N, C-alpha and C. Protein backbone atom coordinates (compact mmCIF):
# COMPACT_ATOMS: atom_id res chain seq x y z
N MET A 1 -12.01 17.00 -16.53
CA MET A 1 -12.90 17.13 -15.25
C MET A 1 -12.75 18.69 -15.30
N ASP A 2 -13.96 19.03 -14.79
CA ASP A 2 -14.16 20.63 -14.52
C ASP A 2 -13.22 21.23 -13.65
N LYS A 3 -12.85 22.46 -13.99
CA LYS A 3 -11.73 23.06 -13.23
C LYS A 3 -12.13 23.31 -11.75
N ARG A 4 -13.34 23.24 -11.31
CA ARG A 4 -13.81 23.48 -10.02
C ARG A 4 -13.89 22.10 -9.27
N SER A 5 -13.40 21.13 -9.95
CA SER A 5 -13.31 19.84 -9.24
C SER A 5 -11.99 19.99 -8.14
N GLN A 6 -12.25 19.10 -7.02
CA GLN A 6 -11.33 18.88 -6.27
C GLN A 6 -11.21 17.52 -5.76
N TRP A 7 -10.15 17.15 -5.07
CA TRP A 7 -10.20 15.73 -4.36
C TRP A 7 -10.78 16.03 -3.10
N TYR A 8 -11.43 14.94 -2.65
CA TYR A 8 -12.07 14.74 -1.19
C TYR A 8 -11.78 13.26 -0.74
N ALA A 9 -11.78 13.21 0.50
CA ALA A 9 -11.61 11.75 1.25
C ALA A 9 -12.99 11.26 1.41
N LEU A 10 -13.09 10.13 1.04
CA LEU A 10 -14.26 9.46 1.02
C LEU A 10 -14.33 8.22 2.12
N ARG A 11 -14.98 8.17 3.21
CA ARG A 11 -15.03 7.00 4.01
C ARG A 11 -15.77 5.88 3.58
N SER A 12 -15.16 4.74 3.89
CA SER A 12 -15.96 3.26 3.63
C SER A 12 -16.44 2.68 4.68
N LYS A 13 -17.31 1.89 4.73
CA LYS A 13 -17.69 1.02 5.87
C LYS A 13 -16.49 -0.02 5.97
N PRO A 14 -16.25 -0.70 7.23
CA PRO A 14 -15.13 -1.43 7.47
C PRO A 14 -14.80 -2.55 6.50
N ASN A 15 -13.67 -2.73 5.96
CA ASN A 15 -13.40 -3.79 4.94
C ASN A 15 -14.15 -3.73 3.72
N ARG A 16 -14.72 -2.48 3.25
CA ARG A 16 -15.60 -2.46 2.31
C ARG A 16 -14.92 -1.51 1.23
N GLU A 17 -13.61 -1.17 1.35
CA GLU A 17 -13.14 -0.14 0.33
C GLU A 17 -13.28 -0.73 -1.14
N GLU A 18 -13.06 -1.86 -1.37
CA GLU A 18 -12.78 -2.33 -2.80
C GLU A 18 -14.26 -2.11 -3.46
N ALA A 19 -15.23 -2.59 -2.71
CA ALA A 19 -16.62 -2.49 -3.13
C ALA A 19 -17.10 -1.06 -3.36
N LEU A 20 -16.66 -0.18 -2.40
CA LEU A 20 -17.00 1.15 -2.63
C LEU A 20 -16.29 1.86 -3.63
N TRP A 21 -15.08 1.49 -4.02
CA TRP A 21 -14.36 1.93 -5.00
C TRP A 21 -14.98 1.55 -6.44
N ARG A 22 -15.53 0.32 -6.70
CA ARG A 22 -16.01 -0.04 -7.68
C ARG A 22 -17.45 0.78 -7.93
N GLU A 23 -18.32 0.95 -6.76
CA GLU A 23 -19.39 1.70 -6.96
C GLU A 23 -19.36 3.25 -7.44
N VAL A 24 -18.25 3.75 -6.73
CA VAL A 24 -17.82 5.01 -7.36
C VAL A 24 -17.44 5.23 -8.71
N GLY A 25 -16.63 4.03 -9.15
CA GLY A 25 -16.28 4.21 -10.61
C GLY A 25 -17.66 3.73 -11.45
N ALA A 26 -18.42 2.79 -10.96
CA ALA A 26 -19.65 2.70 -11.90
C ALA A 26 -20.40 3.75 -11.88
N ARG A 27 -20.49 4.81 -11.09
CA ARG A 27 -21.32 6.07 -11.28
C ARG A 27 -20.71 7.12 -11.74
N GLY A 28 -19.34 6.88 -12.51
CA GLY A 28 -18.73 7.87 -13.26
C GLY A 28 -17.73 8.77 -12.89
N HIS A 29 -17.64 8.48 -11.34
CA HIS A 29 -16.78 9.40 -10.65
C HIS A 29 -15.32 8.92 -10.53
N GLU A 30 -14.32 10.00 -10.69
CA GLU A 30 -12.93 9.58 -10.54
C GLU A 30 -12.50 9.27 -9.25
N ALA A 31 -12.00 8.14 -8.95
CA ALA A 31 -11.54 7.75 -7.61
C ALA A 31 -10.12 7.22 -7.56
N PHE A 32 -9.63 7.58 -6.53
CA PHE A 32 -8.03 7.11 -6.16
C PHE A 32 -8.13 6.29 -4.95
N TYR A 33 -8.01 4.95 -5.26
CA TYR A 33 -8.02 3.86 -4.14
C TYR A 33 -6.46 3.29 -3.81
N PRO A 34 -5.71 4.10 -3.07
CA PRO A 34 -4.29 3.51 -2.94
C PRO A 34 -4.14 2.12 -2.21
N ARG A 35 -3.47 1.31 -2.82
CA ARG A 35 -3.29 -0.16 -2.28
C ARG A 35 -1.88 -0.55 -2.35
N VAL A 36 -1.22 -1.30 -1.35
CA VAL A 36 -0.05 -1.50 -1.44
C VAL A 36 0.17 -3.07 -1.37
N GLN A 37 1.19 -3.68 -1.86
CA GLN A 37 1.37 -5.01 -1.77
C GLN A 37 2.07 -5.36 -0.35
N VAL A 38 1.64 -6.48 0.27
CA VAL A 38 2.16 -7.04 1.67
C VAL A 38 2.59 -8.20 1.39
N GLN A 39 3.59 -8.79 2.36
CA GLN A 39 3.88 -10.35 2.38
C GLN A 39 3.28 -10.67 3.49
N PRO A 40 2.20 -11.28 3.66
CA PRO A 40 1.64 -11.74 4.89
C PRO A 40 2.16 -13.10 5.21
N VAL A 41 2.32 -13.35 6.46
CA VAL A 41 2.65 -14.53 7.13
C VAL A 41 1.73 -15.77 6.66
N ASN A 42 0.53 -15.53 6.66
CA ASN A 42 -0.42 -16.62 6.22
C ASN A 42 -0.57 -16.48 4.72
N PRO A 43 -0.14 -17.50 3.97
CA PRO A 43 -0.33 -17.51 2.51
C PRO A 43 -1.63 -17.39 1.84
N ARG A 44 -2.61 -17.60 2.76
CA ARG A 44 -3.99 -17.42 2.39
C ARG A 44 -4.61 -15.97 2.50
N ALA A 45 -3.72 -15.08 3.28
CA ALA A 45 -4.33 -13.69 3.39
C ALA A 45 -3.90 -12.90 2.22
N ARG A 46 -4.62 -11.75 2.24
CA ARG A 46 -4.69 -10.89 1.18
C ARG A 46 -3.22 -10.27 0.93
N THR A 47 -2.84 -10.22 -0.25
CA THR A 47 -1.58 -9.57 -0.53
C THR A 47 -1.69 -8.19 -0.85
N VAL A 48 -2.60 -7.70 -1.16
CA VAL A 48 -2.89 -6.24 -1.36
C VAL A 48 -3.59 -5.85 -0.30
N ARG A 49 -3.37 -4.57 0.13
CA ARG A 49 -4.20 -3.97 1.35
C ARG A 49 -4.29 -2.74 1.02
N PRO A 50 -5.37 -1.91 1.41
CA PRO A 50 -5.59 -0.51 1.35
C PRO A 50 -4.47 0.32 2.20
N TYR A 51 -3.77 1.41 1.66
CA TYR A 51 -2.80 2.17 2.10
C TYR A 51 -3.62 2.98 3.35
N PHE A 52 -4.72 3.38 3.06
CA PHE A 52 -5.54 4.13 4.23
C PHE A 52 -6.75 3.38 4.35
N PRO A 53 -6.67 2.18 5.37
CA PRO A 53 -8.01 1.44 5.57
C PRO A 53 -9.01 2.30 5.82
N GLY A 54 -10.13 2.01 4.99
CA GLY A 54 -11.48 2.94 5.68
C GLY A 54 -11.58 4.37 4.63
N TYR A 55 -10.65 4.52 3.84
CA TYR A 55 -10.62 5.80 3.05
C TYR A 55 -10.33 5.64 1.68
N MET A 56 -10.74 6.16 0.82
CA MET A 56 -10.30 6.62 -0.60
C MET A 56 -10.27 8.01 -0.85
N PHE A 57 -10.01 8.38 -2.20
CA PHE A 57 -10.11 9.67 -2.49
C PHE A 57 -11.11 9.83 -3.82
N VAL A 58 -11.86 10.89 -3.87
CA VAL A 58 -12.84 10.90 -4.99
C VAL A 58 -12.64 12.55 -5.54
N ARG A 59 -12.56 12.61 -6.85
CA ARG A 59 -12.27 14.04 -7.50
C ARG A 59 -13.67 14.36 -8.21
N THR A 60 -14.25 15.48 -7.69
CA THR A 60 -15.46 15.91 -7.92
C THR A 60 -15.63 17.33 -7.91
N SER A 61 -16.81 17.93 -8.29
CA SER A 61 -17.23 19.14 -8.31
C SER A 61 -18.47 19.12 -7.37
N LEU A 62 -18.19 19.42 -5.99
CA LEU A 62 -19.44 19.46 -5.12
C LEU A 62 -20.37 20.65 -5.46
N ALA A 63 -19.98 21.66 -6.20
CA ALA A 63 -20.79 22.72 -6.52
C ALA A 63 -21.84 22.47 -7.36
N GLU A 64 -21.34 21.40 -8.23
CA GLU A 64 -22.29 20.80 -9.28
C GLU A 64 -23.06 19.59 -8.53
N LEU A 65 -22.62 18.87 -7.97
CA LEU A 65 -23.14 17.44 -7.44
C LEU A 65 -23.80 17.64 -6.10
N GLY A 66 -23.08 18.27 -5.14
CA GLY A 66 -23.58 18.31 -3.80
C GLY A 66 -22.95 17.26 -2.96
N PRO A 67 -22.56 17.36 -1.84
CA PRO A 67 -22.07 16.37 -1.04
C PRO A 67 -22.75 15.09 -0.55
N SER A 68 -24.21 15.19 -0.78
CA SER A 68 -25.11 14.28 -0.51
C SER A 68 -25.14 13.02 -1.35
N VAL A 69 -24.37 13.21 -2.53
CA VAL A 69 -24.15 12.19 -3.69
C VAL A 69 -23.48 10.91 -2.84
N PHE A 70 -22.55 11.46 -2.30
CA PHE A 70 -21.64 10.58 -1.62
C PHE A 70 -22.00 9.99 -0.21
N ALA A 71 -23.04 10.67 0.27
CA ALA A 71 -23.55 10.44 1.69
C ALA A 71 -24.17 9.07 1.63
N TRP A 72 -24.91 8.77 0.52
CA TRP A 72 -25.81 7.50 0.46
C TRP A 72 -25.23 6.53 -0.44
N LEU A 73 -24.09 6.52 -0.79
CA LEU A 73 -23.51 5.44 -1.47
C LEU A 73 -23.33 4.13 -0.89
N PRO A 74 -23.89 3.00 -1.60
CA PRO A 74 -23.61 1.48 -0.70
C PRO A 74 -22.18 1.51 -0.52
N PHE A 75 -21.99 0.95 0.70
CA PHE A 75 -20.65 0.68 1.32
C PHE A 75 -19.77 1.73 1.70
N GLY A 76 -20.42 3.05 1.59
CA GLY A 76 -19.81 4.36 1.94
C GLY A 76 -20.39 4.82 3.35
N GLN A 77 -19.56 5.88 3.71
CA GLN A 77 -20.06 6.59 5.03
C GLN A 77 -19.97 8.04 4.93
N GLY A 78 -19.77 8.39 3.39
CA GLY A 78 -19.75 9.96 3.18
C GLY A 78 -18.38 10.41 3.15
N LEU A 79 -18.34 11.81 2.68
CA LEU A 79 -17.16 12.48 2.72
C LEU A 79 -16.61 12.85 3.99
N VAL A 80 -15.32 13.05 4.30
CA VAL A 80 -14.61 13.50 5.61
C VAL A 80 -14.89 15.10 5.64
N CYS A 81 -15.49 15.50 6.63
CA CYS A 81 -15.98 16.89 6.87
C CYS A 81 -15.25 17.47 8.05
N TYR A 82 -14.83 18.70 8.13
CA TYR A 82 -14.57 19.59 9.19
C TYR A 82 -15.63 20.60 9.27
N GLY A 83 -16.08 20.75 10.62
CA GLY A 83 -17.05 21.79 10.74
C GLY A 83 -18.31 21.78 9.94
N GLY A 84 -18.62 20.34 9.45
CA GLY A 84 -19.76 20.20 8.70
C GLY A 84 -19.52 20.45 7.34
N GLU A 85 -18.35 20.86 6.75
CA GLU A 85 -18.09 21.00 5.34
C GLU A 85 -17.04 20.03 4.89
N PRO A 86 -17.37 19.46 3.73
CA PRO A 86 -16.34 18.45 3.05
C PRO A 86 -15.03 18.98 3.05
N ALA A 87 -13.98 18.55 3.50
CA ALA A 87 -12.72 19.01 3.40
C ALA A 87 -11.90 18.46 2.09
N ALA A 88 -11.56 19.53 1.26
CA ALA A 88 -10.77 19.26 0.14
C ALA A 88 -9.31 18.66 0.41
N VAL A 89 -8.79 17.79 -0.50
CA VAL A 89 -7.39 17.35 -0.34
C VAL A 89 -6.62 18.05 -1.39
N PRO A 90 -5.36 18.55 -1.07
CA PRO A 90 -4.71 19.13 -2.17
C PRO A 90 -4.06 18.15 -3.32
N GLU A 91 -4.19 18.59 -4.35
CA GLU A 91 -3.61 17.82 -5.40
C GLU A 91 -2.07 17.44 -5.31
N ALA A 92 -1.46 18.15 -4.66
CA ALA A 92 0.04 18.06 -4.40
C ALA A 92 -0.03 16.74 -3.58
N LEU A 93 -0.77 16.72 -2.53
CA LEU A 93 -0.85 15.55 -1.62
C LEU A 93 -1.36 14.13 -2.29
N ILE A 94 -2.40 14.41 -3.13
CA ILE A 94 -2.66 13.12 -3.81
C ILE A 94 -1.42 12.57 -4.54
N MET A 95 -0.73 13.44 -5.45
CA MET A 95 0.51 13.15 -6.27
C MET A 95 1.35 12.46 -5.36
N ALA A 96 1.89 12.98 -4.14
CA ALA A 96 2.66 12.56 -3.26
C ALA A 96 2.34 10.99 -2.73
N ILE A 97 1.09 10.90 -2.42
CA ILE A 97 0.58 9.47 -2.04
C ILE A 97 0.64 8.59 -3.18
N GLN A 98 0.37 9.11 -4.47
CA GLN A 98 0.55 8.10 -5.52
C GLN A 98 2.03 7.65 -5.74
N ARG A 99 2.97 8.69 -5.68
CA ARG A 99 4.37 8.39 -5.49
C ARG A 99 4.71 7.45 -4.61
N ARG A 100 4.52 7.74 -3.40
CA ARG A 100 4.84 6.65 -2.35
C ARG A 100 4.22 5.38 -2.38
N VAL A 101 2.88 5.06 -2.90
CA VAL A 101 2.41 3.76 -3.09
C VAL A 101 3.25 3.18 -4.23
N ASP A 102 3.53 3.96 -5.29
CA ASP A 102 4.36 3.24 -6.37
C ASP A 102 5.81 2.72 -5.76
N GLU A 103 6.45 3.63 -5.20
CA GLU A 103 7.58 3.12 -4.56
C GLU A 103 7.46 1.89 -3.67
N ILE A 104 6.44 1.67 -2.79
CA ILE A 104 6.25 0.71 -2.01
C ILE A 104 6.05 -0.70 -2.93
N ASN A 105 5.02 -0.40 -3.93
CA ASN A 105 4.75 -1.53 -4.85
C ASN A 105 6.01 -2.07 -5.54
N THR A 106 6.72 -0.98 -6.12
CA THR A 106 7.80 -1.39 -7.04
C THR A 106 8.99 -2.11 -6.13
N ALA A 107 9.06 -1.80 -4.77
CA ALA A 107 10.03 -2.54 -3.78
C ALA A 107 9.58 -3.78 -3.53
N GLY A 108 8.32 -4.28 -4.00
CA GLY A 108 7.86 -5.63 -3.39
C GLY A 108 6.91 -5.83 -2.30
N GLY A 109 6.57 -4.31 -1.83
CA GLY A 109 5.66 -4.28 -0.57
C GLY A 109 6.28 -3.35 0.45
N GLU A 110 5.31 -3.05 1.39
CA GLU A 110 5.74 -2.13 2.27
C GLU A 110 6.74 -2.61 3.30
N GLN A 111 6.68 -3.88 3.57
CA GLN A 111 7.71 -4.30 4.64
C GLN A 111 9.01 -4.09 3.97
N LEU A 112 9.47 -4.22 2.74
CA LEU A 112 10.49 -4.08 2.12
C LEU A 112 10.83 -2.79 1.59
N ALA A 113 9.96 -1.84 1.47
CA ALA A 113 10.31 -0.69 0.83
C ALA A 113 11.41 0.31 1.50
N ARG A 114 11.54 0.06 2.75
CA ARG A 114 12.79 0.79 3.37
C ARG A 114 14.15 -0.10 3.44
N LEU A 115 14.20 -1.32 3.01
CA LEU A 115 15.46 -2.06 3.03
C LEU A 115 16.27 -1.50 2.09
N GLU A 116 17.66 -1.45 2.64
CA GLU A 116 18.69 -1.05 1.91
C GLU A 116 19.72 -2.09 1.76
N ARG A 117 20.65 -2.02 0.78
CA ARG A 117 21.73 -3.00 0.65
C ARG A 117 22.50 -3.08 2.03
N GLY A 118 22.72 -4.05 2.57
CA GLY A 118 23.69 -4.25 3.82
C GLY A 118 22.84 -4.41 5.12
N ASP A 119 21.47 -4.08 4.97
CA ASP A 119 20.58 -4.20 6.10
C ASP A 119 20.37 -5.63 6.64
N ALA A 120 20.35 -5.96 7.92
CA ALA A 120 20.34 -7.24 8.49
C ALA A 120 18.75 -7.60 8.42
N VAL A 121 18.62 -8.88 8.03
CA VAL A 121 17.21 -9.43 7.85
C VAL A 121 17.15 -10.88 8.42
N THR A 122 16.24 -11.33 8.72
CA THR A 122 15.60 -12.70 9.32
C THR A 122 15.01 -13.47 8.37
N ILE A 123 15.41 -14.70 7.87
CA ILE A 123 14.70 -15.56 6.99
C ILE A 123 13.58 -16.29 7.68
N HIS A 124 12.38 -16.38 7.02
CA HIS A 124 11.28 -17.12 7.56
C HIS A 124 10.85 -18.27 6.63
N GLY A 125 10.90 -19.43 7.09
CA GLY A 125 10.50 -20.64 6.23
C GLY A 125 11.61 -21.22 5.30
N GLY A 126 11.40 -22.17 5.02
CA GLY A 126 12.29 -22.88 4.04
C GLY A 126 13.56 -23.43 4.91
N ARG A 127 14.62 -23.91 4.26
CA ARG A 127 15.66 -24.62 4.91
C ARG A 127 16.41 -23.53 5.68
N PHE A 128 16.34 -22.19 5.51
CA PHE A 128 17.08 -21.36 6.33
C PHE A 128 16.28 -20.66 7.47
N ASP A 129 15.04 -21.06 7.70
CA ASP A 129 14.23 -20.46 8.69
C ASP A 129 14.96 -20.12 9.96
N GLY A 130 14.68 -19.01 10.33
CA GLY A 130 15.31 -18.43 11.55
C GLY A 130 16.85 -17.72 11.48
N ARG A 131 17.53 -17.89 10.42
CA ARG A 131 18.95 -17.50 10.17
C ARG A 131 18.94 -16.16 9.71
N GLN A 132 20.06 -15.48 10.39
CA GLN A 132 20.13 -14.01 10.07
C GLN A 132 20.92 -13.99 8.64
N ALA A 133 20.59 -12.98 7.86
CA ALA A 133 21.19 -12.69 6.51
C ALA A 133 21.50 -11.22 6.23
N ILE A 134 22.11 -10.91 5.46
CA ILE A 134 22.27 -9.50 4.88
C ILE A 134 21.58 -9.34 3.65
N PHE A 135 20.67 -8.13 3.52
CA PHE A 135 19.76 -7.78 2.34
C PHE A 135 20.92 -7.32 1.19
N ASP A 136 20.74 -8.00 0.04
CA ASP A 136 21.59 -7.45 -1.08
C ASP A 136 20.65 -6.70 -2.14
N MET A 137 19.75 -7.29 -2.56
CA MET A 137 18.95 -6.63 -3.65
C MET A 137 17.58 -7.18 -4.07
N ARG A 138 16.66 -6.33 -4.47
CA ARG A 138 15.48 -7.03 -4.94
C ARG A 138 15.81 -7.39 -6.53
N ILE A 139 15.18 -8.38 -6.69
CA ILE A 139 15.46 -9.00 -8.17
C ILE A 139 14.32 -8.58 -9.07
N GLY A 140 14.83 -7.64 -10.05
CA GLY A 140 13.81 -6.86 -10.93
C GLY A 140 12.90 -7.77 -11.58
N GLY A 141 11.46 -7.26 -11.61
CA GLY A 141 10.50 -8.04 -12.37
C GLY A 141 9.93 -9.26 -11.74
N SER A 142 10.40 -9.44 -10.37
CA SER A 142 9.73 -10.49 -9.58
C SER A 142 9.53 -10.26 -8.22
N GLU A 143 8.99 -11.03 -7.37
CA GLU A 143 8.66 -10.90 -6.14
C GLU A 143 9.80 -11.49 -5.30
N ARG A 144 11.02 -11.38 -5.77
CA ARG A 144 12.17 -12.17 -5.05
C ARG A 144 13.20 -11.15 -4.64
N VAL A 145 14.10 -11.70 -3.72
CA VAL A 145 15.26 -10.99 -3.31
C VAL A 145 16.29 -11.69 -2.92
N ARG A 146 17.58 -10.95 -2.93
CA ARG A 146 18.89 -11.66 -3.02
C ARG A 146 19.30 -11.42 -1.51
N VAL A 147 19.74 -12.14 -0.75
CA VAL A 147 20.23 -11.99 0.66
C VAL A 147 21.58 -12.71 0.72
N LEU A 148 22.47 -12.26 1.46
CA LEU A 148 23.83 -12.93 1.73
C LEU A 148 23.70 -13.72 3.14
N LEU A 149 24.06 -15.02 2.98
CA LEU A 149 24.02 -15.64 4.27
C LEU A 149 25.33 -16.06 4.64
N GLU A 150 25.69 -15.78 5.96
CA GLU A 150 27.14 -15.94 6.56
C GLU A 150 27.31 -17.25 6.68
N LEU A 151 28.48 -17.90 6.13
CA LEU A 151 28.62 -19.35 6.48
C LEU A 151 29.86 -19.55 7.29
N LEU A 152 30.34 -20.60 7.63
CA LEU A 152 31.64 -20.74 8.28
C LEU A 152 32.78 -19.91 7.63
N GLN A 153 33.82 -19.69 8.39
CA GLN A 153 35.14 -19.06 8.10
C GLN A 153 34.69 -17.78 7.27
N SER A 154 33.80 -16.91 7.72
CA SER A 154 33.31 -15.71 7.10
C SER A 154 33.09 -15.75 5.68
N ARG A 155 32.58 -16.81 5.20
CA ARG A 155 32.17 -16.99 3.63
C ARG A 155 30.67 -16.55 3.61
N GLN A 156 30.34 -15.90 2.42
CA GLN A 156 28.98 -15.60 2.28
C GLN A 156 28.55 -16.38 1.02
N MET A 157 27.21 -16.77 1.14
CA MET A 157 26.56 -17.55 -0.05
C MET A 157 25.25 -16.80 -0.24
N LYS A 158 25.05 -16.36 -1.52
CA LYS A 158 24.00 -15.67 -2.02
C LYS A 158 22.80 -16.64 -2.22
N LEU A 159 21.77 -16.07 -1.76
CA LEU A 159 20.44 -16.83 -1.80
C LEU A 159 19.37 -16.07 -2.38
N ASP A 160 18.63 -16.65 -3.50
CA ASP A 160 17.37 -15.88 -3.95
C ASP A 160 16.30 -16.47 -3.45
N LEU A 161 15.56 -15.56 -2.79
CA LEU A 161 14.30 -16.18 -1.81
C LEU A 161 12.86 -15.23 -2.24
N PRO A 162 11.85 -15.86 -2.00
CA PRO A 162 10.71 -15.08 -2.10
C PRO A 162 10.69 -13.72 -1.20
N ALA A 163 10.21 -12.76 -1.67
CA ALA A 163 10.41 -11.47 -0.72
C ALA A 163 9.62 -11.76 0.64
N GLY A 164 8.54 -12.53 0.75
CA GLY A 164 7.84 -12.86 1.82
C GLY A 164 8.54 -13.59 2.73
N GLN A 165 9.71 -14.24 2.48
CA GLN A 165 10.39 -14.94 3.57
C GLN A 165 11.27 -14.32 4.45
N ILE A 166 11.40 -12.83 4.08
CA ILE A 166 12.31 -12.10 4.80
C ILE A 166 11.64 -10.97 5.61
N GLU A 167 12.33 -10.67 6.72
CA GLU A 167 11.63 -9.50 7.24
C GLU A 167 12.97 -8.68 8.04
N PRO A 168 12.78 -7.40 7.98
CA PRO A 168 14.16 -6.57 8.56
C PRO A 168 14.38 -7.17 10.13
N THR A 169 15.61 -7.26 10.61
CA THR A 169 15.87 -7.70 11.82
C THR A 169 15.54 -6.49 12.81
N LYS A 170 14.86 -6.63 13.73
CA LYS A 170 14.65 -5.67 14.72
C LYS A 170 15.90 -5.31 15.50
N ARG A 171 16.07 -4.05 15.61
CA ARG A 171 17.24 -3.48 16.35
C ARG A 171 16.85 -3.19 17.76
N HIS A 172 17.49 -3.79 18.73
CA HIS A 172 17.06 -3.17 20.16
C HIS A 172 17.74 -1.98 20.57
């Protein structure tokens, strides 16, 4: 890409990020559309969602193309502007967003990204629905987690569960 190219935020029409991302790519522009895994309660709901709903990033040289190229894209609403001028997004910020999205997806989704060993969780669904447990670990290469369930006489049982069946216990 040209040395004068920069990253810009591109707005999409509501819930049309995926279609806009495909449109931008089909026209030969470099685009970064950050998406994260989620564990929806409804099993038919999307398991991947935009990290910034309604936005994505496009790398281009506006000096060569002009901002109007992005103003009329199907599914788009143009570049984010301040004072009528498209606002450039620093490369370092794009890289930081990429790292954060990778961390979230590696952790099995945004809900689990901040869980650490020993955190209290609540199990949803299955035989242990509603029970409190202690988060132990993510099971590598899968969307499963291991939790420790307290039994009688202070004994703990290890359970391997789908990541979508736990959520952090809210602290009051």
